[in-house]
Amino acid sequence: VLALLLALAQLGNGAVAVWSIRTFVAIFRGTP
């Protein structure tokens, strides 16, 4: 459910929201 919301949010035009989500993704994918 959270992944779907994050994926849909990245389709929007809000740069702040997109970069916030990408930062979250980078942190949790890049750490054990």
PDB file of all heavy atoms in Angstrom:
ATOM      1  N   VAL A   1       0.838  -1.206   0.000  1.00  0.00           N
ATOM      2  CA  VAL A   1       0.000   0.000   0.000  1.00  0.00           C
ATOM      3  C   VAL A   1       0.873   1.256   0.000  1.00  0.00           C
ATOM      4  O   VAL A   1       0.642   2.195  -0.774  1.00  0.00           O
ATOM      5  CB  VAL A   1      -0.948  -0.002   1.219  1.00  0.00           C
ATOM      6  CG1 VAL A   1      -1.710   1.317   1.309  1.00  0.00           C
ATOM      7  CG2 VAL A   1      -1.919  -1.173   1.132  1.00  0.00           C
ATOM      8  N   LEU A   2       1.890   1.274   0.861  1.00  0.00           N
ATOM      9  CA  LEU A   2       2.791   2.429   0.921  1.00  0.00           C
ATOM     10  C   LEU A   2       3.586   2.571  -0.376  1.00  0.00           C
ATOM     11  O   LEU A   2       3.775   3.694  -0.871  1.00  0.00           O
ATOM     12  CB  LEU A   2       3.738   2.272   2.113  1.00  0.00           C
ATOM     13  CG  LEU A   2       4.744   3.413   2.349  1.00  0.00           C
ATOM     14  CD1 LEU A   2       4.022   4.749   2.503  1.00  0.00           C
ATOM     15  CD2 LEU A   2       5.595   3.120   3.576  1.00  0.00           C
ATOM     16  N   ALA A   3       4.036   1.462  -0.943  1.00  0.00           N
ATOM     17  CA  ALA A   3       4.802   1.506  -2.196  1.00  0.00           C
ATOM     18  C   ALA A   3       3.959   2.070  -3.332  1.00  0.00           C
ATOM     19  O   ALA A   3       4.453   2.860  -4.150  1.00  0.00           O
ATOM     20  CB  ALA A   3       5.303   0.109  -2.553  1.00  0.00           C
ATOM     21  N   LEU A   4       2.692   1.679  -3.389  1.00  0.00           N
ATOM     22  CA  LEU A   4       1.816   2.183  -4.442  1.00  0.00           C
ATOM     23  C   LEU A   4       1.600   3.683  -4.296  1.00  0.00           C
ATOM     24  O   LEU A   4       1.636   4.432  -5.288  1.00  0.00           O
ATOM     25  CB  LEU A   4       0.473   1.442  -4.401  1.00  0.00           C
ATOM     26  CG  LEU A   4      -0.544   1.809  -5.478  1.00  0.00           C
ATOM     27  CD1 LEU A   4       0.031   1.565  -6.874  1.00  0.00           C
ATOM     28  CD2 LEU A   4      -1.832   1.019  -5.291  1.00  0.00           C
ATOM     29  N   LEU A   5       1.409   4.141  -3.060  1.00  0.00           N
ATOM     30  CA  LEU A   5       1.237   5.581  -2.830  1.00  0.00           C
ATOM     31  C   LEU A   5       2.496   6.352  -3.207  1.00  0.00           C
ATOM     32  O   LEU A   5       2.421   7.423  -3.817  1.00  0.00           O
ATOM     33  CB  LEU A   5       0.884   5.833  -1.357  1.00  0.00           C
ATOM     34  CG  LEU A   5      -0.480   5.297  -0.882  1.00  0.00           C
ATOM     35  CD1 LEU A   5      -0.636   5.515   0.611  1.00  0.00           C
ATOM     36  CD2 LEU A   5      -1.615   5.958  -1.651  1.00  0.00           C
ATOM     37  N   LEU A   6       3.655   5.812  -2.863  1.00  0.00           N
ATOM     38  CA  LEU A   6       4.910   6.477  -3.198  1.00  0.00           C
ATOM     39  C   LEU A   6       5.140   6.498  -4.706  1.00  0.00           C
ATOM     40  O   LEU A   6       5.621   7.498  -5.261  1.00  0.00           O
ATOM     41  CB  LEU A   6       6.082   5.768  -2.506  1.00  0.00           C
ATOM     42  CG  LEU A   6       6.119   5.849  -0.976  1.00  0.00           C
ATOM     43  CD1 LEU A   6       7.277   5.029  -0.431  1.00  0.00           C
ATOM     44  CD2 LEU A   6       6.223   7.294  -0.515  1.00  0.00           C
ATOM     45  N   ALA A   7       4.796   5.398  -5.371  1.00  0.00           N
ATOM     46  CA  ALA A   7       4.965   5.342  -6.825  1.00  0.00           C
ATOM     47  C   ALA A   7       4.058   6.347  -7.525  1.00  0.00           C
ATOM     48  O   ALA A   7       4.477   7.042  -8.460  1.00  0.00           O
ATOM     49  CB  ALA A   7       4.677   3.927  -7.332  1.00  0.00           C
ATOM     50  N   LEU A   8       2.818   6.446  -7.063  1.00  0.00           N
ATOM     51  CA  LEU A   8       1.880   7.397  -7.665  1.00  0.00           C
ATOM     52  C   LEU A   8       2.296   8.835  -7.378  1.00  0.00           C
ATOM     53  O   LEU A   8       2.145   9.718  -8.230  1.00  0.00           O
ATOM     54  CB  LEU A   8       0.468   7.137  -7.136  1.00  0.00           C
ATOM     55  CG  LEU A   8      -0.170   5.811  -7.544  1.00  0.00           C
ATOM     56  CD1 LEU A   8      -1.526   5.623  -6.860  1.00  0.00           C
ATOM     57  CD2 LEU A   8      -0.344   5.739  -9.065  1.00  0.00           C
ATOM     58  N   ALA A   9       2.826   9.075  -6.168  1.00  0.00           N
ATOM     59  CA  ALA A   9       3.251  10.432  -5.814  1.00  0.00           C
ATOM     60  C   ALA A   9       4.390  10.914  -6.699  1.00  0.00           C
ATOM     61  O   ALA A   9       4.507  12.112  -6.985  1.00  0.00           O
ATOM     62  CB  ALA A   9       3.664  10.481  -4.344  1.00  0.00           C
ATOM     63  N   GLN A  10       5.217   9.979  -7.164  1.00  0.00           N
ATOM     64  CA  GLN A  10       6.342  10.367  -8.010  1.00  0.00           C
ATOM     65  C   GLN A  10       5.919  10.692  -9.439  1.00  0.00           C
ATOM     66  O   GLN A  10       6.719  11.205 -10.224  1.00  0.00           O
ATOM     67  CB  GLN A  10       7.389   9.247  -8.034  1.00  0.00           C
ATOM     68  CG  GLN A  10       8.085   9.051  -6.710  1.00  0.00           C
ATOM     69  CD  GLN A  10       9.220   8.058  -6.795  1.00  0.00           C
ATOM     70  OE1 GLN A  10      10.270   8.333  -7.370  1.00  0.00           O
ATOM     71  NE2 GLN A  10       9.009   6.878  -6.235  1.00  0.00           N
ATOM     72  N   LEU A  11       4.666  10.400  -9.770  1.00  0.00           N
ATOM     73  CA  LEU A  11       4.169  10.737 -11.102  1.00  0.00           C
ATOM     74  C   LEU A  11       3.727  12.192 -11.183  1.00  0.00           C
ATOM     75  O   LEU A  11       3.469  12.704 -12.275  1.00  0.00           O
ATOM     76  CB  LEU A  11       2.994   9.822 -11.472  1.00  0.00           C
ATOM     77  CG  LEU A  11       3.290   8.316 -11.508  1.00  0.00           C
ATOM     78  CD1 LEU A  11       2.023   7.551 -11.852  1.00  0.00           C
ATOM     79  CD2 LEU A  11       4.389   8.008 -12.526  1.00  0.00           C
ATOM     80  N   GLY A  12       3.602  12.849 -10.032  1.00  0.00           N
ATOM     81  CA  GLY A  12       3.162  14.240  -9.999  1.00  0.00           C
ATOM     82  C   GLY A  12       4.279  15.192 -10.361  1.00  0.00           C
ATOM     83  O   GLY A  12       5.408  14.812 -10.692  1.00  0.00           O
ATOM     84  N   ASN A  13       3.963  16.473 -10.271  1.00  0.00           N
ATOM     85  CA  ASN A  13       4.914  17.522 -10.647  1.00  0.00           C
ATOM     86  C   ASN A  13       5.580  18.198  -9.456  1.00  0.00           C
ATOM     87  O   ASN A  13       6.349  19.137  -9.633  1.00  0.00           O
ATOM     88  CB  ASN A  13       4.194  18.594 -11.483  1.00  0.00           C
ATOM     89  CG  ASN A  13       3.644  18.020 -12.794  1.00  0.00           C
ATOM     90  OD1 ASN A  13       4.290  17.183 -13.413  1.00  0.00           O
ATOM     91  ND2 ASN A  13       2.452  18.468 -13.180  1.00  0.00           N
ATOM     92  N   GLY A  14       5.276  17.727  -8.245  1.00  0.00           N
ATOM     93  CA  GLY A  14       5.865  18.348  -7.060  1.00  0.00           C
ATOM     94  C   GLY A  14       7.310  17.912  -6.862  1.00  0.00           C
ATOM     95  O   GLY A  14       7.579  16.764  -6.484  1.00  0.00           O
ATOM     96  N   ALA A  15       8.240  18.806  -7.120  1.00  0.00           N
ATOM     97  CA  ALA A  15       9.663  18.460  -7.038  1.00  0.00           C
ATOM     98  C   ALA A  15      10.074  18.090  -5.619  1.00  0.00           C
ATOM     99  O   ALA A  15      10.862  17.160  -5.410  1.00  0.00           O
ATOM    100  CB  ALA A  15      10.506  19.628  -7.544  1.00  0.00           C
ATOM    101  N   VAL A  16       9.537  18.807  -4.628  1.00  0.00           N
ATOM    102  CA  VAL A  16       9.899  18.534  -3.235  1.00  0.00           C
ATOM    103  C   VAL A  16       9.445  17.128  -2.833  1.00  0.00           C
ATOM    104  O   VAL A  16      10.200  16.365  -2.213  1.00  0.00           O
ATOM    105  CB  VAL A  16       9.276  19.587  -2.298  1.00  0.00           C
ATOM    106  CG1 VAL A  16       9.552  19.223  -0.843  1.00  0.00           C
ATOM    107  CG2 VAL A  16       9.828  20.970  -2.621  1.00  0.00           C
ATOM    108  N   ALA A  17       8.205  16.780  -3.185  1.00  0.00           N
ATOM    109  CA  ALA A  17       7.679  15.455  -2.848  1.00  0.00           C
ATOM    110  C   ALA A  17       8.472  14.356  -3.549  1.00  0.00           C
ATOM    111  O   ALA A  17       8.809  13.334  -2.937  1.00  0.00           O
ATOM    112  CB  ALA A  17       6.206  15.368  -3.229  1.00  0.00           C
ATOM    113  N   VAL A  18       8.783  14.576  -4.817  1.00  0.00           N
ATOM    114  CA  VAL A  18       9.516  13.568  -5.592  1.00  0.00           C
ATOM    115  C   VAL A  18      10.897  13.329  -5.005  1.00  0.00           C
ATOM    116  O   VAL A  18      11.324  12.186  -4.804  1.00  0.00           O
ATOM    117  CB  VAL A  18       9.611  13.983  -7.074  1.00  0.00           C
ATOM    118  CG1 VAL A  18      10.573  13.062  -7.821  1.00  0.00           C
ATOM    119  CG2 VAL A  18       8.238  13.944  -7.721  1.00  0.00           C
ATOM    120  N   TRP A  19      11.622  14.404  -4.700  1.00  0.00           N
ATOM    121  CA  TRP A  19      12.969  14.250  -4.164  1.00  0.00           C
ATOM    122  C   TRP A  19      12.955  13.695  -2.749  1.00  0.00           C
ATOM    123  O   TRP A  19      13.865  12.966  -2.348  1.00  0.00           O
ATOM    124  CB  TRP A  19      13.712  15.583  -4.221  1.00  0.00           C
ATOM    125  CG  TRP A  19      14.221  15.880  -5.601  1.00  0.00           C
ATOM    126  CD1 TRP A  19      13.746  16.806  -6.475  1.00  0.00           C
ATOM    127  CD2 TRP A  19      15.289  15.205  -6.280  1.00  0.00           C
ATOM    128  NE1 TRP A  19      14.441  16.760  -7.662  1.00  0.00           N
ATOM    129  CE2 TRP A  19      15.404  15.793  -7.566  1.00  0.00           C
ATOM    130  CE3 TRP A  19      16.162  14.181  -5.925  1.00  0.00           C
ATOM    131  CZ2 TRP A  19      16.352  15.371  -8.496  1.00  0.00           C
ATOM    132  CZ3 TRP A  19      17.104  13.759  -6.855  1.00  0.00           C
ATOM    133  CH2 TRP A  19      17.192  14.350  -8.115  1.00  0.00           C
ATOM    134  N   SER A  20      11.916  14.010  -1.983  1.00  0.00           N
ATOM    135  CA  SER A  20      11.791  13.436  -0.643  1.00  0.00           C
ATOM    136  C   SER A  20      11.602  11.923  -0.720  1.00  0.00           C
ATOM    137  O   SER A  20      12.216  11.160   0.039  1.00  0.00           O
ATOM    138  CB  SER A  20      10.619  14.074   0.103  1.00  0.00           C
ATOM    139  OG  SER A  20      10.814  15.457   0.259  1.00  0.00           O
ATOM    140  N   ILE A  21      10.756  11.505  -1.643  1.00  0.00           N
ATOM    141  CA  ILE A  21      10.507  10.070  -1.820  1.00  0.00           C
ATOM    142  C   ILE A  21      11.763   9.373  -2.316  1.00  0.00           C
ATOM    143  O   ILE A  21      12.119   8.285  -1.851  1.00  0.00           O
ATOM    144  CB  ILE A  21       9.332   9.851  -2.782  1.00  0.00           C
ATOM    145  CG1 ILE A  21       8.034  10.349  -2.145  1.00  0.00           C
ATOM    146  CG2 ILE A  21       9.196   8.373  -3.143  1.00  0.00           C
ATOM    147  CD1 ILE A  21       6.858  10.366  -3.091  1.00  0.00           C
ATOM    148  N   ARG A  22      12.449   9.990  -3.259  1.00  0.00           N
ATOM    149  CA  ARG A  22      13.672   9.368  -3.782  1.00  0.00           C
ATOM    150  C   ARG A  22      14.757   9.271  -2.722  1.00  0.00           C
ATOM    151  O   ARG A  22      15.544   8.313  -2.711  1.00  0.00           O
ATOM    152  CB  ARG A  22      14.163  10.156  -4.996  1.00  0.00           C
ATOM    153  CG  ARG A  22      13.253  10.001  -6.215  1.00  0.00           C
ATOM    154  CD  ARG A  22      13.778  10.738  -7.422  1.00  0.00           C
ATOM    155  NE  ARG A  22      12.884  10.548  -8.570  1.00  0.00           N
ATOM    156  CZ  ARG A  22      13.054  11.127  -9.751  1.00  0.00           C
ATOM    157  NH1 ARG A  22      14.098  11.940  -9.944  1.00  0.00           N
ATOM    158  NH2 ARG A  22      12.204  10.895 -10.739  1.00  0.00           N
ATOM    159  N   THR A  23      14.807  10.253  -1.820  1.00  0.00           N
ATOM    160  CA  THR A  23      15.762  10.186  -0.711  1.00  0.00           C
ATOM    161  C   THR A  23      15.422   9.031   0.219  1.00  0.00           C
ATOM    162  O   THR A  23      16.304   8.269   0.644  1.00  0.00           O
ATOM    163  CB  THR A  23      15.765  11.510   0.074  1.00  0.00           C
ATOM    164  OG1 THR A  23      16.124  12.585  -0.804  1.00  0.00           O
ATOM    165  CG2 THR A  23      16.747  11.453   1.233  1.00  0.00           C
ATOM    166  N   PHE A  24      14.138   8.908   0.541  1.00  0.00           N
ATOM    167  CA  PHE A  24      13.678   7.786   1.367  1.00  0.00           C
ATOM    168  C   PHE A  24      14.033   6.454   0.723  1.00  0.00           C
ATOM    169  O   PHE A  24      14.557   5.539   1.382  1.00  0.00           O
ATOM    170  CB  PHE A  24      12.164   7.902   1.569  1.00  0.00           C
ATOM    171  CG  PHE A  24      11.505   6.628   2.032  1.00  0.00           C
ATOM    172  CD1 PHE A  24      11.550   6.250   3.358  1.00  0.00           C
ATOM    173  CD2 PHE A  24      10.836   5.818   1.127  1.00  0.00           C
ATOM    174  CE1 PHE A  24      10.946   5.077   3.788  1.00  0.00           C
ATOM    175  CE2 PHE A  24      10.225   4.637   1.538  1.00  0.00           C
ATOM    176  CZ  PHE A  24      10.287   4.272   2.873  1.00  0.00           C
ATOM    177  N   VAL A  25      13.756   6.323  -0.573  1.00  0.00           N
ATOM    178  CA  VAL A  25      14.040   5.079  -1.292  1.00  0.00           C
ATOM    179  C   VAL A  25      15.538   4.793  -1.292  1.00  0.00           C
ATOM    180  O   VAL A  25      15.972   3.656  -1.066  1.00  0.00           O
ATOM    181  CB  VAL A  25      13.498   5.156  -2.732  1.00  0.00           C
ATOM    182  CG1 VAL A  25      13.989   3.965  -3.560  1.00  0.00           C
ATOM    183  CG2 VAL A  25      11.972   5.185  -2.722  1.00  0.00           C
ATOM    184  N   ALA A  26      16.342   5.820  -1.547  1.00  0.00           N
ATOM    185  CA  ALA A  26      17.798   5.635  -1.586  1.00  0.00           C
ATOM    186  C   ALA A  26      18.337   5.169  -0.235  1.00  0.00           C
ATOM    187  O   ALA A  26      19.219   4.302  -0.175  1.00  0.00           O
ATOM    188  CB  ALA A  26      18.471   6.933  -2.012  1.00  0.00           C
ATOM    189  N   ILE A  27      17.802   5.724   0.843  1.00  0.00           N
ATOM    190  CA  ILE A  27      18.279   5.358   2.176  1.00  0.00           C
ATOM    191  C   ILE A  27      17.935   3.910   2.497  1.00  0.00           C
ATOM    192  O   ILE A  27      18.787   3.136   2.955  1.00  0.00           O
ATOM    193  CB  ILE A  27      17.688   6.303   3.237  1.00  0.00           C
ATOM    194  CG1 ILE A  27      18.278   7.709   3.089  1.00  0.00           C
ATOM    195  CG2 ILE A  27      17.937   5.768   4.644  1.00  0.00           C
ATOM    196  CD1 ILE A  27      17.630   8.749   3.975  1.00  0.00           C
ATOM    197  N   PHE A  28      16.698   3.516   2.248  1.00  0.00           N
ATOM    198  CA  PHE A  28      16.272   2.176   2.634  1.00  0.00           C
ATOM    199  C   PHE A  28      16.745   1.107   1.658  1.00  0.00           C
ATOM    200  O   PHE A  28      16.841  -0.066   2.035  1.00  0.00           O
ATOM    201  CB  PHE A  28      14.744   2.127   2.783  1.00  0.00           C
ATOM    202  CG  PHE A  28      14.278   2.610   4.118  1.00  0.00           C
ATOM    203  CD1 PHE A  28      14.019   3.959   4.333  1.00  0.00           C
ATOM    204  CD2 PHE A  28      14.118   1.743   5.177  1.00  0.00           C
ATOM    205  CE1 PHE A  28      13.600   4.415   5.565  1.00  0.00           C
ATOM    206  CE2 PHE A  28      13.701   2.184   6.416  1.00  0.00           C
ATOM    207  CZ  PHE A  28      13.447   3.531   6.613  1.00  0.00           C
ATOM    208  N   ARG A  29      17.039   1.478   0.427  1.00  0.00           N
ATOM    209  CA  ARG A  29      17.621   0.507  -0.503  1.00  0.00           C
ATOM    210  C   ARG A  29      19.130   0.423  -0.353  1.00  0.00           C
ATOM    211  O   ARG A  29      19.732  -0.594  -0.708  1.00  0.00           O
ATOM    212  CB  ARG A  29      17.274   0.887  -1.947  1.00  0.00           C
ATOM    213  CG  ARG A  29      15.806   0.741  -2.297  1.00  0.00           C
ATOM    214  CD  ARG A  29      15.556   1.152  -3.737  1.00  0.00           C
ATOM    215  NE  ARG A  29      16.143   0.207  -4.678  1.00  0.00           N
ATOM    216  CZ  ARG A  29      16.276   0.430  -5.978  1.00  0.00           C
ATOM    217  NH1 ARG A  29      15.895   1.602  -6.471  1.00  0.00           N
ATOM    218  NH2 ARG A  29      16.793  -0.479  -6.768  1.00  0.00           N
ATOM    219  N   GLY A  30      19.736   1.467   0.170  1.00  0.00           N
ATOM    220  CA  GLY A  30      21.188   1.516   0.257  1.00  0.00           C
ATOM    221  C   GLY A  30      21.774   1.085   1.578  1.00  0.00           C
ATOM    222  O   GLY A  30      22.996   1.010   1.722  1.00  0.00           O
ATOM    223  N   THR A  31      20.915   0.792   2.563  1.00  0.00           N
ATOM    224  CA  THR A  31      21.403   0.348   3.863  1.00  0.00           C
ATOM    225  C   THR A  31      20.852  -1.048   4.171  1.00  0.00           C
ATOM    226  O   THR A  31      19.762  -1.399   3.721  1.00  0.00           O
ATOM    227  CB  THR A  31      20.975   1.320   4.978  1.00  0.00           C
ATOM    228  OG1 THR A  31      19.534   1.453   4.969  1.00  0.00           O
ATOM    229  CG2 THR A  31      21.594   2.691   4.763  1.00  0.00           C
ATOM    230  N   PRO A  32      21.588  -1.852   4.940  1.00  0.00           N
ATOM    231  CA  PRO A  32      21.123  -3.211   5.262  1.00  0.00           C
ATOM    232  C   PRO A  32      19.865  -3.197   6.119  1.00  0.00           C
ATOM    233  O   PRO A  32      19.689  -2.319   6.974  1.00  0.00           O
ATOM    234  CB  PRO A  32      22.307  -3.820   6.031  1.00  0.00           C
ATOM    235  CG  PRO A  32      23.476  -2.962   5.696  1.00  0.00           C
ATOM    236  CD  PRO A  32      22.941  -1.589   5.464  1.00  0.00           C
TER     237      PRO A  32
END
